[in-house]
Amino acid sequence: MSIHCDNYIDTHCHLYWEDFHDDLSRVIDRARAAGVTRMIIPATDVASFRQASAIAARHADVYLAVGIHPHEAGKMPYDFADELRQLARHAKVVAIGEIGLDYYYDFCTPAEQQRVLHEQLSIAREHGLPVILHNRESDDDLLAIVREHQDGSLKGQFHCFSSDTRYAQAVLDAGFHISFTGNVTFKKSTLDPVLSYVPDDRLLIETDAPFMTPVPYRGKRNEPAFLPMIARRFAATRHQSVSYISRITTRNAVALYQLERNPSNERN
């Protein structure tokens, strides 16, 4: 196996997705060879959490987040939170997610999404867990709901960030981290000013695999092994070294998600 000086944590990858069914073990092996020491799989509903937990049971370096994605919110009964509270006690759960709002698609009404989001933010606070937030064309409503629940203990990650620096500052003021995916490598990306704006101690990195594949592999399946390509764009845009990006994003992920350190694979 290759030896890497730089190590990473993929804070968001959907390894249970059907795109990985035929070669998941090889995907995870490639990630490790690329220096990815840990991966977090956020569920989008109960069924995907059960798939993700089976993967985590086989791989010590895979962690879980449990949550109901806004696309699934309309399917949730009013007592869905009881089951979610039980699942949040799983030993490898490090966050409530992927949760949030999505007004781009019309899978369910904003009111339904907001009801489910409120419940899940309450569960996160009850369990002392960070949240992984999905946001698409819902900037104002999402931030308003987060602020409503922010009592000083709520923390988490605005994942696959695509808004502007003004919104980034509002997210930072609310006490949250910001992460970027392969979206920063896209030819039409306008995210360079935002990527440069996020302070070192709030920056996270992710693939969102199998989605958001970075250049030069756009059009193909994304996977955690591509994380160093995203890191190189981080480094070029922020005028920092790749090793520095590796170090700060790993440190931030370990602290936010309370991950165990892996001294044999991780250089500080």
C-alpha atoms as a PDB file:
ATOM      1  CA  MET A   1       0.000   0.000   0.000  1.00  0.00           C
ATOM      2  CA  SER A   2       1.217   3.518  -0.781  1.00  0.00           C
ATOM      3  CA  ILE A   3       2.591   5.626   2.071  1.00  0.00           C
ATOM      4  CA  HIS A   4       1.172   9.158   2.231  1.00  0.00           C
ATOM      5  CA  CYS A   5       2.369  12.158   4.181  1.00  0.00           C
ATOM      6  CA  ASP A   6      -1.092  13.739   3.933  1.00  0.00           C
ATOM      7  CA  ASN A   7      -4.161  12.201   5.552  1.00  0.00           C
ATOM      8  CA  TYR A   8      -7.802  13.167   5.291  1.00  0.00           C
ATOM      9  CA  ILE A   9     -11.232  12.565   6.748  1.00  0.00           C
ATOM     10  CA  ASP A  10     -14.079  12.371   4.252  1.00  0.00           C
ATOM     11  CA  THR A  11     -16.842  13.983   6.301  1.00  0.00           C
ATOM     12  CA  HIS A  12     -19.609  13.091   3.846  1.00  0.00           C
ATOM     13  CA  CYS A  13     -19.815  10.053   1.560  1.00  0.00           C
ATOM     14  CA  HIS A  14     -22.860   7.897   0.789  1.00  0.00           C
ATOM     15  CA  LEU A  15     -21.125   4.534   0.543  1.00  0.00           C
ATOM     16  CA  TYR A  16     -24.410   2.613   0.777  1.00  0.00           C
ATOM     17  CA  TRP A  17     -25.498   4.059  -2.581  1.00  0.00           C
ATOM     18  CA  GLU A  18     -26.207   1.490  -5.285  1.00  0.00           C
ATOM     19  CA  ASP A  19     -23.267   2.804  -7.334  1.00  0.00           C
ATOM     20  CA  PHE A  20     -20.951   1.094  -4.818  1.00  0.00           C
ATOM     21  CA  HIS A  21     -22.701  -2.265  -4.501  1.00  0.00           C
ATOM     22  CA  ASP A  22     -20.346  -4.142  -6.812  1.00  0.00           C
ATOM     23  CA  ASP A  23     -16.975  -2.918  -5.569  1.00  0.00           C
ATOM     24  CA  LEU A  24     -17.362  -1.300  -2.151  1.00  0.00           C
ATOM     25  CA  SER A  25     -14.372  -3.090  -0.613  1.00  0.00           C
ATOM     26  CA  ARG A  26     -12.123  -1.886  -3.420  1.00  0.00           C
ATOM     27  CA  VAL A  27     -13.512   1.652  -3.067  1.00  0.00           C
ATOM     28  CA  ILE A  28     -12.624   1.666   0.631  1.00  0.00           C
ATOM     29  CA  ASP A  29      -9.185   0.186  -0.071  1.00  0.00           C
ATOM     30  CA  ARG A  30      -8.497   2.918  -2.642  1.00  0.00           C
ATOM     31  CA  ALA A  31      -9.575   5.559  -0.137  1.00  0.00           C
ATOM     32  CA  ARG A  32      -7.142   4.244   2.459  1.00  0.00           C
ATOM     33  CA  ALA A  33      -4.348   4.099  -0.120  1.00  0.00           C
ATOM     34  CA  ALA A  34      -5.073   7.750  -0.971  1.00  0.00           C
ATOM     35  CA  GLY A  35      -4.638   8.745   2.674  1.00  0.00           C
ATOM     36  CA  VAL A  36      -8.288   8.831   3.754  1.00  0.00           C
ATOM     37  CA  THR A  37      -8.098   7.587   7.328  1.00  0.00           C
ATOM     38  CA  ARG A  38     -11.776   7.900   8.225  1.00  0.00           C
ATOM     39  CA  MET A  39     -15.092   8.259   6.427  1.00  0.00           C
ATOM     40  CA  ILE A  40     -18.496   9.420   7.685  1.00  0.00           C
ATOM     41  CA  ILE A  41     -21.604   8.009   6.019  1.00  0.00           C
ATOM     42  CA  PRO A  42     -24.697  10.201   6.489  1.00  0.00           C
ATOM     43  CA  ALA A  43     -28.008   8.394   6.106  1.00  0.00           C
ATOM     44  CA  THR A  44     -30.993   9.921   4.333  1.00  0.00           C
ATOM     45  CA  ASP A  45     -33.636   7.727   5.975  1.00  0.00           C
ATOM     46  CA  VAL A  46     -33.944   4.683   8.243  1.00  0.00           C
ATOM     47  CA  ALA A  47     -33.386   2.170   5.433  1.00  0.00           C
ATOM     48  CA  SER A  48     -30.148   3.802   4.308  1.00  0.00           C
ATOM     49  CA  PHE A  49     -28.975   4.018   7.927  1.00  0.00           C
ATOM     50  CA  ARG A  50     -29.333   0.258   8.260  1.00  0.00           C
ATOM     51  CA  GLN A  51     -27.298  -0.212   5.074  1.00  0.00           C
ATOM     52  CA  ALA A  52     -24.669   2.239   6.306  1.00  0.00           C
ATOM     53  CA  SER A  53     -24.451   0.619   9.738  1.00  0.00           C
ATOM     54  CA  ALA A  54     -23.734  -2.749   8.098  1.00  0.00           C
ATOM     55  CA  ILE A  55     -20.795  -1.145   6.282  1.00  0.00           C
ATOM     56  CA  ALA A  56     -19.537   0.510   9.461  1.00  0.00           C
ATOM     57  CA  ALA A  57     -19.700  -2.827  11.283  1.00  0.00           C
ATOM     58  CA  ARG A  58     -17.171  -4.241   8.800  1.00  0.00           C
ATOM     59  CA  HIS A  59     -14.817  -1.265   8.730  1.00  0.00           C
ATOM     60  CA  ALA A  60     -13.346   0.352  11.843  1.00  0.00           C
ATOM     61  CA  ASP A  61     -12.582   3.598   9.982  1.00  0.00           C
ATOM     62  CA  VAL A  62     -16.188   4.161   8.841  1.00  0.00           C
ATOM     63  CA  TYR A  63     -18.549   6.210  11.033  1.00  0.00           C
ATOM     64  CA  LEU A  64     -22.248   7.037  10.789  1.00  0.00           C
ATOM     65  CA  ALA A  65     -24.722   9.874  10.861  1.00  0.00           C
ATOM     66  CA  VAL A  66     -28.430   9.160  11.204  1.00  0.00           C
ATOM     67  CA  GLY A  67     -31.114  11.450   9.850  1.00  0.00           C
ATOM     68  CA  ILE A  68     -34.005  12.111   7.505  1.00  0.00           C
ATOM     69  CA  HIS A  69     -33.090  14.007   4.350  1.00  0.00           C
ATOM     70  CA  PRO A  70     -35.534  16.772   3.335  1.00  0.00           C
ATOM     71  CA  HIS A  71     -36.484  14.755   0.234  1.00  0.00           C
ATOM     72  CA  GLU A  72     -37.845  12.072   2.578  1.00  0.00           C
ATOM     73  CA  ALA A  73     -39.562  14.393   5.046  1.00  0.00           C
ATOM     74  CA  GLY A  74     -43.037  14.016   3.526  1.00  0.00           C
ATOM     75  CA  LYS A  75     -42.977  10.272   4.169  1.00  0.00           C
ATOM     76  CA  MET A  76     -42.360  10.620   7.897  1.00  0.00           C
ATOM     77  CA  PRO A  77     -45.137   9.842  10.396  1.00  0.00           C
ATOM     78  CA  TYR A  78     -45.547  12.259  13.283  1.00  0.00           C
ATOM     79  CA  ASP A  79     -43.884   9.835  15.677  1.00  0.00           C
ATOM     80  CA  PHE A  80     -40.780   9.236  13.515  1.00  0.00           C
ATOM     81  CA  ALA A  81     -38.567  10.949  16.087  1.00  0.00           C
ATOM     82  CA  ASP A  82     -38.934   8.085  18.565  1.00  0.00           C
ATOM     83  CA  GLU A  83     -37.154   5.656  16.255  1.00  0.00           C
ATOM     84  CA  LEU A  84     -34.530   8.234  15.347  1.00  0.00           C
ATOM     85  CA  ARG A  85     -33.721   8.751  19.018  1.00  0.00           C
ATOM     86  CA  GLN A  86     -33.067   5.029  19.370  1.00  0.00           C
ATOM     87  CA  LEU A  87     -30.876   4.876  16.260  1.00  0.00           C
ATOM     88  CA  ALA A  88     -28.864   7.877  17.458  1.00  0.00           C
ATOM     89  CA  ARG A  89     -27.582   5.705  20.322  1.00  0.00           C
ATOM     90  CA  HIS A  90     -25.696   3.434  17.896  1.00  0.00           C
ATOM     91  CA  ALA A  91     -22.055   3.214  18.969  1.00  0.00           C
ATOM     92  CA  LYS A  92     -20.698   4.526  15.661  1.00  0.00           C
ATOM     93  CA  VAL A  93     -23.128   7.426  15.225  1.00  0.00           C
ATOM     94  CA  VAL A  94     -21.225  10.722  15.387  1.00  0.00           C
ATOM     95  CA  ALA A  95     -23.895  13.106  14.051  1.00  0.00           C
ATOM     96  CA  ILE A  96     -27.517  13.679  13.116  1.00  0.00           C
ATOM     97  CA  GLY A  97     -27.633  13.941   9.338  1.00  0.00           C
ATOM     98  CA  GLU A  98     -28.154  14.350   6.532  1.00  0.00           C
ATOM     99  CA  ILE A  99     -30.902  16.799   7.447  1.00  0.00           C
ATOM    100  CA  GLY A 100     -31.971  20.235   6.285  1.00  0.00           C
ATOM    101  CA  LEU A 101     -34.105  21.925   3.651  1.00  0.00           C
ATOM    102  CA  ASP A 102     -34.307  21.633  -0.133  1.00  0.00           C
ATOM    103  CA  TYR A 103     -36.578  24.018  -2.034  1.00  0.00           C
ATOM    104  CA  TYR A 104     -35.129  23.171  -5.455  1.00  0.00           C
ATOM    105  CA  TYR A 105     -37.003  19.890  -5.769  1.00  0.00           C
ATOM    106  CA  ASP A 106     -40.687  19.473  -5.009  1.00  0.00           C
ATOM    107  CA  PHE A 107     -40.655  16.132  -3.183  1.00  0.00           C
ATOM    108  CA  CYS A 108     -42.523  17.589  -0.220  1.00  0.00           C
ATOM    109  CA  THR A 109     -43.679  20.955   1.038  1.00  0.00           C
ATOM    110  CA  PRO A 110     -41.470  23.408   2.907  1.00  0.00           C
ATOM    111  CA  ALA A 111     -43.774  23.021   5.911  1.00  0.00           C
ATOM    112  CA  GLU A 112     -43.193  19.247   6.003  1.00  0.00           C
ATOM    113  CA  GLN A 113     -39.445  19.697   5.678  1.00  0.00           C
ATOM    114  CA  GLN A 114     -39.376  22.278   8.433  1.00  0.00           C
ATOM    115  CA  ARG A 115     -41.369  20.089  10.821  1.00  0.00           C
ATOM    116  CA  VAL A 116     -38.932  17.195  10.379  1.00  0.00           C
ATOM    117  CA  LEU A 117     -35.919  19.490  10.649  1.00  0.00           C
ATOM    118  CA  HIS A 118     -37.142  20.996  13.939  1.00  0.00           C
ATOM    119  CA  GLU A 119     -37.564  17.501  15.404  1.00  0.00           C
ATOM    120  CA  GLN A 120     -34.085  16.424  14.357  1.00  0.00           C
ATOM    121  CA  LEU A 121     -32.354  19.522  15.667  1.00  0.00           C
ATOM    122  CA  SER A 122     -34.028  18.846  18.998  1.00  0.00           C
ATOM    123  CA  ILE A 123     -32.747  15.261  18.944  1.00  0.00           C
ATOM    124  CA  ALA A 124     -29.229  16.487  18.165  1.00  0.00           C
ATOM    125  CA  ARG A 125     -29.302  18.765  21.190  1.00  0.00           C
ATOM    126  CA  GLU A 126     -30.713  15.998  23.405  1.00  0.00           C
ATOM    127  CA  HIS A 127     -27.914  13.618  22.403  1.00  0.00           C
ATOM    128  CA  GLY A 128     -25.157  16.228  22.296  1.00  0.00           C
ATOM    129  CA  LEU A 129     -24.467  15.406  18.640  1.00  0.00           C
ATOM    130  CA  PRO A 130     -23.478  17.754  15.797  1.00  0.00           C
ATOM    131  CA  VAL A 131     -25.677  18.006  12.705  1.00  0.00           C
ATOM    132  CA  ILE A 132     -24.889  17.627   9.005  1.00  0.00           C
ATOM    133  CA  LEU A 133     -27.004  20.146   7.112  1.00  0.00           C
ATOM    134  CA  HIS A 134     -28.250  20.012   3.527  1.00  0.00           C
ATOM    135  CA  ASN A 135     -29.206  23.361   2.007  1.00  0.00           C
ATOM    136  CA  ARG A 136     -30.522  23.967  -1.471  1.00  0.00           C
ATOM    137  CA  GLU A 137     -32.237  27.262  -2.251  1.00  0.00           C
ATOM    138  CA  SER A 138     -33.337  27.533   1.380  1.00  0.00           C
ATOM    139  CA  ASP A 139     -30.697  29.844   2.862  1.00  0.00           C
ATOM    140  CA  ASP A 140     -32.925  32.122   4.915  1.00  0.00           C
ATOM    141  CA  ASP A 141     -35.309  29.496   6.289  1.00  0.00           C
ATOM    142  CA  LEU A 142     -32.554  27.052   7.190  1.00  0.00           C
ATOM    143  CA  LEU A 143     -30.517  29.631   9.049  1.00  0.00           C
ATOM    144  CA  ALA A 144     -33.598  30.958  10.861  1.00  0.00           C
ATOM    145  CA  ILE A 145     -34.478  27.468  12.118  1.00  0.00           C
ATOM    146  CA  VAL A 146     -30.903  26.748  13.150  1.00  0.00           C
ATOM    147  CA  ARG A 147     -30.765  30.016  15.071  1.00  0.00           C
ATOM    148  CA  GLU A 148     -34.043  29.136  16.791  1.00  0.00           C
ATOM    149  CA  HIS A 149     -32.433  25.956  18.155  1.00  0.00           C
ATOM    150  CA  GLN A 150     -29.038  27.465  18.904  1.00  0.00           C
ATOM    151  CA  ASP A 151     -28.668  27.584  22.675  1.00  0.00           C
ATOM    152  CA  GLY A 152     -24.880  27.570  22.551  1.00  0.00           C
ATOM    153  CA  SER A 153     -24.621  23.791  22.335  1.00  0.00           C
ATOM    154  CA  LEU A 154     -25.713  23.161  18.742  1.00  0.00           C
ATOM    155  CA  LYS A 155     -22.899  22.649  16.262  1.00  0.00           C
ATOM    156  CA  GLY A 156     -22.349  20.993  12.926  1.00  0.00           C
ATOM    157  CA  GLN A 157     -21.499  21.240   9.265  1.00  0.00           C
ATOM    158  CA  PHE A 158     -23.151  23.076   6.371  1.00  0.00           C
ATOM    159  CA  HIS A 159     -22.178  20.496   3.780  1.00  0.00           C
ATOM    160  CA  CYS A 160     -21.467  21.029   0.078  1.00  0.00           C
ATOM    161  CA  PHE A 161     -21.551  24.783   0.593  1.00  0.00           C
ATOM    162  CA  SER A 162     -22.652  26.756  -2.465  1.00  0.00           C
ATOM    163  CA  SER A 163     -23.752  30.157  -1.126  1.00  0.00           C
ATOM    164  CA  ASP A 164     -21.837  33.447  -0.932  1.00  0.00           C
ATOM    165  CA  THR A 165     -19.485  34.988   1.609  1.00  0.00           C
ATOM    166  CA  ARG A 166     -22.300  36.927   3.293  1.00  0.00           C
ATOM    167  CA  TYR A 167     -24.117  33.699   4.032  1.00  0.00           C
ATOM    168  CA  ALA A 168     -20.870  31.997   5.028  1.00  0.00           C
ATOM    169  CA  GLN A 169     -20.338  34.665   7.676  1.00  0.00           C
ATOM    170  CA  ALA A 170     -23.877  34.127   8.990  1.00  0.00           C
ATOM    171  CA  VAL A 171     -23.195  30.382   9.215  1.00  0.00           C
ATOM    172  CA  LEU A 172     -19.928  31.016  11.047  1.00  0.00           C
ATOM    173  CA  ASP A 173     -21.661  33.444  13.407  1.00  0.00           C
ATOM    174  CA  ALA A 174     -24.174  30.690  14.205  1.00  0.00           C
ATOM    175  CA  GLY A 175     -21.272  28.506  15.344  1.00  0.00           C
ATOM    176  CA  PHE A 176     -21.052  26.097  12.414  1.00  0.00           C
ATOM    177  CA  HIS A 177     -18.372  24.601  10.192  1.00  0.00           C
ATOM    178  CA  ILE A 178     -18.435  24.807   6.392  1.00  0.00           C
ATOM    179  CA  SER A 179     -17.399  22.100   3.934  1.00  0.00           C
ATOM    180  CA  PHE A 180     -16.857  21.964   0.203  1.00  0.00           C
ATOM    181  CA  THR A 181     -16.845  19.065  -2.241  1.00  0.00           C
ATOM    182  CA  GLY A 182     -15.751  18.618  -5.835  1.00  0.00           C
ATOM    183  CA  ASN A 183     -17.951  21.638  -6.561  1.00  0.00           C
ATOM    184  CA  VAL A 184     -14.914  23.883  -5.986  1.00  0.00           C
ATOM    185  CA  THR A 185     -13.143  22.263  -8.955  1.00  0.00           C
ATOM    186  CA  PHE A 186     -15.939  22.839 -11.477  1.00  0.00           C
ATOM    187  CA  LYS A 187     -15.157  25.139 -14.412  1.00  0.00           C
ATOM    188  CA  LYS A 188     -18.129  27.394 -13.651  1.00  0.00           C
ATOM    189  CA  SER A 189     -17.563  27.440  -9.901  1.00  0.00           C
ATOM    190  CA  THR A 190     -17.874  30.842  -8.229  1.00  0.00           C
ATOM    191  CA  LEU A 191     -16.812  29.497  -4.840  1.00  0.00           C
ATOM    192  CA  ASP A 192     -13.166  30.604  -4.721  1.00  0.00           C
ATOM    193  CA  PRO A 193     -13.915  33.761  -2.675  1.00  0.00           C
ATOM    194  CA  VAL A 194     -15.974  31.737  -0.185  1.00  0.00           C
ATOM    195  CA  LEU A 195     -13.406  28.959   0.062  1.00  0.00           C
ATOM    196  CA  SER A 196     -10.764  31.582   0.815  1.00  0.00           C
ATOM    197  CA  TYR A 197     -13.020  33.301   3.355  1.00  0.00           C
ATOM    198  CA  VAL A 198     -13.675  30.377   5.710  1.00  0.00           C
ATOM    199  CA  PRO A 199     -11.217  30.481   8.645  1.00  0.00           C
ATOM    200  CA  ASP A 200      -8.836  27.580   9.192  1.00  0.00           C
ATOM    201  CA  ASP A 201     -10.630  26.323  12.293  1.00  0.00           C
ATOM    202  CA  ARG A 202     -14.032  26.008  10.584  1.00  0.00           C
ATOM    203  CA  LEU A 203     -13.035  24.331   7.318  1.00  0.00           C
ATOM    204  CA  LEU A 204     -13.982  20.746   6.445  1.00  0.00           C
ATOM    205  CA  ILE A 205     -13.517  18.632   3.327  1.00  0.00           C
ATOM    206  CA  GLU A 206     -15.796  15.989   1.790  1.00  0.00           C
ATOM    207  CA  THR A 207     -16.568  14.163  -1.435  1.00  0.00           C
ATOM    208  CA  ASP A 208     -20.376  13.693  -1.179  1.00  0.00           C
ATOM    209  CA  ALA A 209     -19.652  10.483  -3.113  1.00  0.00           C
ATOM    210  CA  PRO A 210     -21.021   9.210  -5.428  1.00  0.00           C
ATOM    211  CA  PHE A 211     -22.068  12.766  -6.340  1.00  0.00           C
ATOM    212  CA  MET A 212     -20.132  16.001  -7.026  1.00  0.00           C
ATOM    213  CA  THR A 213     -17.204  14.285  -8.739  1.00  0.00           C
ATOM    214  CA  PRO A 214     -14.208  16.629  -9.001  1.00  0.00           C
ATOM    215  CA  VAL A 215     -12.391  17.584 -12.179  1.00  0.00           C
ATOM    216  CA  PRO A 216     -10.858  15.732 -14.025  1.00  0.00           C
ATOM    217  CA  TYR A 217     -13.318  12.895 -13.348  1.00  0.00           C
ATOM    218  CA  ARG A 218     -16.583  14.778 -13.818  1.00  0.00           C
ATOM    219  CA  GLY A 219     -19.232  12.542 -15.363  1.00  0.00           C
ATOM    220  CA  LYS A 220     -17.924   9.496 -13.503  1.00  0.00           C
ATOM    221  CA  ARG A 221     -18.761   8.117 -10.086  1.00  0.00           C
ATOM    222  CA  ASN A 222     -17.203  10.014  -7.212  1.00  0.00           C
ATOM    223  CA  GLU A 223     -15.451   8.156  -4.382  1.00  0.00           C
ATOM    224  CA  PRO A 224     -13.458   9.004  -1.237  1.00  0.00           C
ATOM    225  CA  ALA A 225     -10.128   8.319  -2.971  1.00  0.00           C
ATOM    226  CA  PHE A 226     -10.673  11.551  -4.923  1.00  0.00           C
ATOM    227  CA  LEU A 227     -10.443  13.639  -1.752  1.00  0.00           C
ATOM    228  CA  PRO A 228      -6.791  14.669  -2.375  1.00  0.00           C
ATOM    229  CA  MET A 229      -7.852  16.279  -5.671  1.00  0.00           C
ATOM    230  CA  ILE A 230     -10.297  18.472  -3.785  1.00  0.00           C
ATOM    231  CA  ALA A 231      -7.603  19.234  -1.203  1.00  0.00           C
ATOM    232  CA  ARG A 232      -5.275  20.430  -3.946  1.00  0.00           C
ATOM    233  CA  ARG A 233      -7.915  22.920  -5.081  1.00  0.00           C
ATOM    234  CA  PHE A 234      -8.364  24.050  -1.473  1.00  0.00           C
ATOM    235  CA  ALA A 235      -4.617  24.600  -1.235  1.00  0.00           C
ATOM    236  CA  ALA A 236      -4.304  26.511  -4.516  1.00  0.00           C
ATOM    237  CA  THR A 237      -7.265  28.766  -3.760  1.00  0.00           C
ATOM    238  CA  ARG A 238      -6.301  29.495  -0.146  1.00  0.00           C
ATOM    239  CA  HIS A 239      -2.557  29.830  -0.863  1.00  0.00           C
ATOM    240  CA  GLN A 240      -1.770  27.112   1.647  1.00  0.00           C
ATOM    241  CA  SER A 241       0.065  23.818   1.268  1.00  0.00           C
ATOM    242  CA  VAL A 242      -1.790  20.569   0.694  1.00  0.00           C
ATOM    243  CA  SER A 243      -0.237  19.229   3.891  1.00  0.00           C
ATOM    244  CA  TYR A 244      -1.629  22.191   5.807  1.00  0.00           C
ATOM    245  CA  ILE A 245      -5.116  21.610   4.336  1.00  0.00           C
ATOM    246  CA  SER A 246      -4.846  17.953   5.311  1.00  0.00           C
ATOM    247  CA  ARG A 247      -3.819  18.857   8.840  1.00  0.00           C
ATOM    248  CA  ILE A 248      -6.457  21.506   9.577  1.00  0.00           C
ATOM    249  CA  THR A 249      -9.397  19.686   8.008  1.00  0.00           C
ATOM    250  CA  THR A 250      -8.482  16.486   9.843  1.00  0.00           C
ATOM    251  CA  ARG A 251      -8.083  18.338  13.132  1.00  0.00           C
ATOM    252  CA  ASN A 252     -11.436  20.082  12.672  1.00  0.00           C
ATOM    253  CA  ALA A 253     -13.283  16.866  11.801  1.00  0.00           C
ATOM    254  CA  VAL A 254     -11.794  14.990  14.768  1.00  0.00           C
ATOM    255  CA  ALA A 255     -12.862  17.775  17.123  1.00  0.00           C
ATOM    256  CA  LEU A 256     -16.342  18.335  15.682  1.00  0.00           C
ATOM    257  CA  TYR A 257     -17.309  14.668  15.434  1.00  0.00           C
ATOM    258  CA  GLN A 258     -15.305  13.462  18.434  1.00  0.00           C
ATOM    259  CA  LEU A 259     -13.537  10.858  16.333  1.00  0.00           C
ATOM    260  CA  GLU A 260     -10.863   8.655  17.796  1.00  0.00           C
ATOM    261  CA  ARG A 261      -7.406   9.495  16.623  1.00  0.00           C
ATOM    262  CA  ASN A 262      -5.594   6.899  14.542  1.00  0.00           C
ATOM    263  CA  PRO A 263      -1.901   7.403  15.336  1.00  0.00           C
ATOM    264  CA  SER A 264      -0.718   4.617  13.034  1.00  0.00           C
ATOM    265  CA  ASN A 265      -2.193   6.312   9.976  1.00  0.00           C
ATOM    266  CA  GLU A 266      -2.337   9.975  10.943  1.00  0.00           C
ATOM    267  CA  ARG A 267       0.590  12.370  11.124  1.00  0.00           C
ATOM    268  CA  ASN A 268       0.075  15.596  13.048  1.00  0.00           C
END
